[in-house]
C-alpha atoms as a PDB file:
ATOM      1  CA  UNK A   1      11.960  19.403  26.277  1.00  0.00           C
ATOM      2  CA  UNK A   2       9.613  16.935  27.913  1.00  0.00           C
ATOM      3  CA  UNK A   3       7.164  17.910  30.650  1.00  0.00           C
ATOM      4  CA  UNK A   4       7.029  14.296  31.792  1.00  0.00           C
ATOM      5  CA  UNK A   5       7.613  13.446  35.453  1.00  0.00           C
ATOM      6  CA  UNK A   6       9.163  10.160  34.342  1.00  0.00           C
ATOM      7  CA  UNK A   7      12.580  10.863  32.854  1.00  0.00           C
ATOM      8  CA  UNK A   8      12.952   9.661  29.262  1.00  0.00           C
ATOM      9  CA  UNK A   9       9.251   8.830  28.854  1.00  0.00           C
ATOM     10  CA  UNK A  10       8.166   8.402  25.239  1.00  0.00           C
ATOM     11  CA  UNK A  11       6.233   6.152  22.900  1.00  0.00           C
ATOM     12  CA  UNK A  12       7.823   2.766  22.215  1.00  0.00           C
ATOM     13  CA  UNK A  13       5.222   0.377  20.767  1.00  0.00           C
ATOM     14  CA  UNK A  14       1.651  -0.763  20.548  1.00  0.00           C
ATOM     15  CA  UNK A  15       0.747  -4.458  20.532  1.00  0.00           C
ATOM     16  CA  UNK A  16      -1.762  -6.166  18.257  1.00  0.00           C
ATOM     17  CA  UNK A  17      -3.075  -9.736  18.410  1.00  0.00           C
ATOM     18  CA  UNK A  18      -3.231 -11.037  14.839  1.00  0.00           C
ATOM     19  CA  UNK A  19      -5.573 -13.723  13.553  1.00  0.00           C
ATOM     20  CA  UNK A  20      -3.032 -14.459  10.783  1.00  0.00           C
ATOM     21  CA  UNK A  21       0.489 -13.253  11.638  1.00  0.00           C
ATOM     22  CA  UNK A  22       1.883 -13.831   8.134  1.00  0.00           C
ATOM     23  CA  UNK A  23      -0.931 -11.776   6.573  1.00  0.00           C
ATOM     24  CA  UNK A  24      -0.332  -8.933   9.036  1.00  0.00           C
ATOM     25  CA  UNK A  25       3.422  -9.015   8.427  1.00  0.00           C
ATOM     26  CA  UNK A  26       2.866  -8.807   4.671  1.00  0.00           C
ATOM     27  CA  UNK A  27       0.519  -5.839   5.164  1.00  0.00           C
ATOM     28  CA  UNK A  28       2.828  -3.825   7.440  1.00  0.00           C
ATOM     29  CA  UNK A  29       5.891  -4.533   5.266  1.00  0.00           C
ATOM     30  CA  UNK A  30       3.898  -3.235   2.280  1.00  0.00           C
ATOM     31  CA  UNK A  31       3.412   0.029   4.225  1.00  0.00           C
ATOM     32  CA  UNK A  32       7.208   0.273   4.492  1.00  0.00           C
ATOM     33  CA  UNK A  33       7.744  -0.865   8.084  1.00  0.00           C
ATOM     34  CA  UNK A  34      10.921  -2.823   8.785  1.00  0.00           C
ATOM     35  CA  UNK A  35      11.326  -5.791  11.081  1.00  0.00           C
ATOM     36  CA  UNK A  36      13.327  -5.070  14.237  1.00  0.00           C
ATOM     37  CA  UNK A  37      13.147  -8.289  16.237  1.00  0.00           C
ATOM     38  CA  UNK A  38      11.156 -11.501  16.497  1.00  0.00           C
ATOM     39  CA  UNK A  39      10.907 -14.312  18.993  1.00  0.00           C
ATOM     40  CA  UNK A  40       8.887 -17.445  19.641  1.00  0.00           C
ATOM     41  CA  UNK A  41       7.395 -19.655  16.992  1.00  0.00           C
ATOM     42  CA  UNK A  42       4.063 -21.000  15.878  1.00  0.00           C
ATOM     43  CA  UNK A  43       1.215 -19.748  18.068  1.00  0.00           C
ATOM     44  CA  UNK A  44       3.758 -18.072  20.382  1.00  0.00           C
ATOM     45  CA  UNK A  45       5.444 -15.997  17.652  1.00  0.00           C
ATOM     46  CA  UNK A  46       5.900 -12.260  18.178  1.00  0.00           C
ATOM     47  CA  UNK A  47       7.482  -9.748  15.787  1.00  0.00           C
ATOM     48  CA  UNK A  48       8.160  -6.008  16.124  1.00  0.00           C
ATOM     49  CA  UNK A  49       8.247  -3.594  13.192  1.00  0.00           C
ATOM     50  CA  UNK A  50       9.769  -0.101  13.246  1.00  0.00           C
ATOM     51  CA  UNK A  51       7.613   2.752  11.964  1.00  0.00           C
ATOM     52  CA  UNK A  52      10.685   4.652  10.757  1.00  0.00           C
ATOM     53  CA  UNK A  53      10.930   7.027  13.701  1.00  0.00           C
ATOM     54  CA  UNK A  54      11.694   4.518  16.439  1.00  0.00           C
ATOM     55  CA  UNK A  55       8.044   3.840  17.334  1.00  0.00           C
ATOM     56  CA  UNK A  56       7.031   0.227  16.866  1.00  0.00           C
ATOM     57  CA  UNK A  57       4.076  -2.080  16.372  1.00  0.00           C
ATOM     58  CA  UNK A  58       4.313  -5.481  18.031  1.00  0.00           C
ATOM     59  CA  UNK A  59       2.401  -8.271  16.274  1.00  0.00           C
ATOM     60  CA  UNK A  60       1.355 -11.393  18.199  1.00  0.00           C
ATOM     61  CA  UNK A  61       0.360 -14.677  16.535  1.00  0.00           C
ATOM     62  CA  UNK A  62      -2.760 -16.591  17.533  1.00  0.00           C
ATOM     63  CA  UNK A  63      -4.888 -13.515  18.170  1.00  0.00           C
ATOM     64  CA  UNK A  64      -8.154 -14.890  16.867  1.00  0.00           C
ATOM     65  CA  UNK A  65     -11.186 -12.642  16.782  1.00  0.00           C
ATOM     66  CA  UNK A  66     -11.665 -12.227  20.542  1.00  0.00           C
ATOM     67  CA  UNK A  67     -10.732  -9.128  22.524  1.00  0.00           C
ATOM     68  CA  UNK A  68      -8.621  -9.227  25.655  1.00  0.00           C
ATOM     69  CA  UNK A  69      -9.871  -7.933  29.015  1.00  0.00           C
ATOM     70  CA  UNK A  70      -8.200  -4.576  28.299  1.00  0.00           C
ATOM     71  CA  UNK A  71     -10.169  -4.139  25.078  1.00  0.00           C
ATOM     72  CA  UNK A  72      -8.829  -2.821  21.828  1.00  0.00           C
ATOM     73  CA  UNK A  73      -7.437   0.470  20.753  1.00  0.00           C
ATOM     74  CA  UNK A  74      -9.609   3.066  19.014  1.00  0.00           C
ATOM     75  CA  UNK A  75      -7.072   3.661  16.274  1.00  0.00           C
ATOM     76  CA  UNK A  76      -3.356   3.579  15.676  1.00  0.00           C
ATOM     77  CA  UNK A  77      -2.122   6.857  14.157  1.00  0.00           C
ATOM     78  CA  UNK A  78       1.034   7.107  12.072  1.00  0.00           C
ATOM     79  CA  UNK A  79       2.618  10.384  11.045  1.00  0.00           C
ATOM     80  CA  UNK A  80       3.346  10.415   7.314  1.00  0.00           C
ATOM     81  CA  UNK A  81       4.731  12.938   4.848  1.00  0.00           C
ATOM     82  CA  UNK A  82       1.956  12.266   2.307  1.00  0.00           C
ATOM     83  CA  UNK A  83      -1.428  11.096   3.618  1.00  0.00           C
ATOM     84  CA  UNK A  84      -2.836  10.402   0.151  1.00  0.00           C
ATOM     85  CA  UNK A  85       0.065   8.162  -0.870  1.00  0.00           C
ATOM     86  CA  UNK A  86      -0.018   6.293   2.456  1.00  0.00           C
ATOM     87  CA  UNK A  87      -3.759   5.729   2.059  1.00  0.00           C
ATOM     88  CA  UNK A  88      -3.398   4.408  -1.505  1.00  0.00           C
ATOM     89  CA  UNK A  89      -0.450   2.212  -0.480  1.00  0.00           C
ATOM     90  CA  UNK A  90      -2.501   0.696   2.336  1.00  0.00           C
ATOM     91  CA  UNK A  91      -5.433   0.004   0.002  1.00  0.00           C
ATOM     92  CA  UNK A  92      -3.058  -1.631  -2.481  1.00  0.00           C
ATOM     93  CA  UNK A  93      -1.761  -3.814   0.358  1.00  0.00           C
ATOM     94  CA  UNK A  94      -5.287  -5.034   1.153  1.00  0.00           C
ATOM     95  CA  UNK A  95      -6.602  -2.468   3.635  1.00  0.00           C
ATOM     96  CA  UNK A  96     -10.265  -1.530   3.639  1.00  0.00           C
ATOM     97  CA  UNK A  97     -11.104   2.159   3.302  1.00  0.00           C
ATOM     98  CA  UNK A  98     -12.828   3.742   6.287  1.00  0.00           C
ATOM     99  CA  UNK A  99     -12.393   7.469   5.549  1.00  0.00           C
ATOM    100  CA  UNK A 100     -10.565   8.733   2.466  1.00  0.00           C
ATOM    101  CA  UNK A 101      -8.016  11.559   2.840  1.00  0.00           C
ATOM    102  CA  UNK A 102      -9.422  14.882   3.949  1.00  0.00           C
ATOM    103  CA  UNK A 103      -8.117  18.157   5.335  1.00  0.00           C
ATOM    104  CA  UNK A 104      -9.607  19.331   8.620  1.00  0.00           C
ATOM    105  CA  UNK A 105      -9.258  22.724  10.304  1.00  0.00           C
ATOM    106  CA  UNK A 106      -9.386  22.019  14.028  1.00  0.00           C
ATOM    107  CA  UNK A 107     -10.850  24.474  16.493  1.00  0.00           C
ATOM    108  CA  UNK A 108      -7.933  23.654  18.767  1.00  0.00           C
ATOM    109  CA  UNK A 109      -6.030  25.488  21.457  1.00  0.00           C
ATOM    110  CA  UNK A 110      -3.670  26.997  22.327  1.00  0.00           C
ATOM    111  CA  UNK A 111      -3.400  27.459  18.560  1.00  0.00           C
ATOM    112  CA  UNK A 112      -5.593  26.509  15.607  1.00  0.00           C
ATOM    113  CA  UNK A 113      -4.117  23.707  13.524  1.00  0.00           C
ATOM    114  CA  UNK A 114      -4.983  22.098  10.221  1.00  0.00           C
ATOM    115  CA  UNK A 115      -4.470  18.384   9.633  1.00  0.00           C
ATOM    116  CA  UNK A 116      -4.757  15.965   6.735  1.00  0.00           C
ATOM    117  CA  UNK A 117      -5.981  12.498   7.745  1.00  0.00           C
ATOM    118  CA  UNK A 118      -7.213   9.235   6.283  1.00  0.00           C
ATOM    119  CA  UNK A 119      -8.391   6.021   7.942  1.00  0.00           C
ATOM    120  CA  UNK A 120      -8.197   2.394   6.830  1.00  0.00           C
ATOM    121  CA  UNK A 121      -8.917  -0.976   8.386  1.00  0.00           C
ATOM    122  CA  UNK A 122      -5.943  -3.367   8.524  1.00  0.00           C
ATOM    123  CA  UNK A 123      -5.949  -7.157   8.147  1.00  0.00           C
ATOM    124  CA  UNK A 124      -7.151  -7.837  11.715  1.00  0.00           C
ATOM    125  CA  UNK A 125      -9.802  -5.125  11.688  1.00  0.00           C
ATOM    126  CA  UNK A 126      -7.467  -2.632  13.355  1.00  0.00           C
ATOM    127  CA  UNK A 127      -8.200   0.996  12.544  1.00  0.00           C
ATOM    128  CA  UNK A 128      -5.172   2.876  11.226  1.00  0.00           C
ATOM    129  CA  UNK A 129      -4.920   6.630  10.790  1.00  0.00           C
ATOM    130  CA  UNK A 130      -2.460   8.384   8.508  1.00  0.00           C
ATOM    131  CA  UNK A 131      -1.844  11.861   9.925  1.00  0.00           C
ATOM    132  CA  UNK A 132      -0.039  15.038   8.905  1.00  0.00           C
ATOM    133  CA  UNK A 133      -0.272  18.530  10.315  1.00  0.00           C
ATOM    134  CA  UNK A 134      -0.443  20.943   7.375  1.00  0.00           C
END
């Protein structure tokens, strides 16, 4: 049950400007994401990939290396069943390692939780987190 004031509120997608759309598509397909929809062409091309749970990443062509006025995200976290396998798959697909898999006991509330996480850098410098509560 959602505590949201807005009925039906939930995560849909996050957008990323890509310096090389084809390279980014190859990378995210290698992680197992599936294409949902695309539109536009050339420098106006946009494609959305499903993460497997309905959440999506939206890739925009012609992103260059500049940041928009609303900045960039800190990281994009994806829930996975196996953090270590996701991390190795991303490295095999060309990601750069930022933080190898580790298990962290969080001093969290209302209950203490333990997570397994790993971080990589994707083809446009985006920071990706693979996350599992253990």
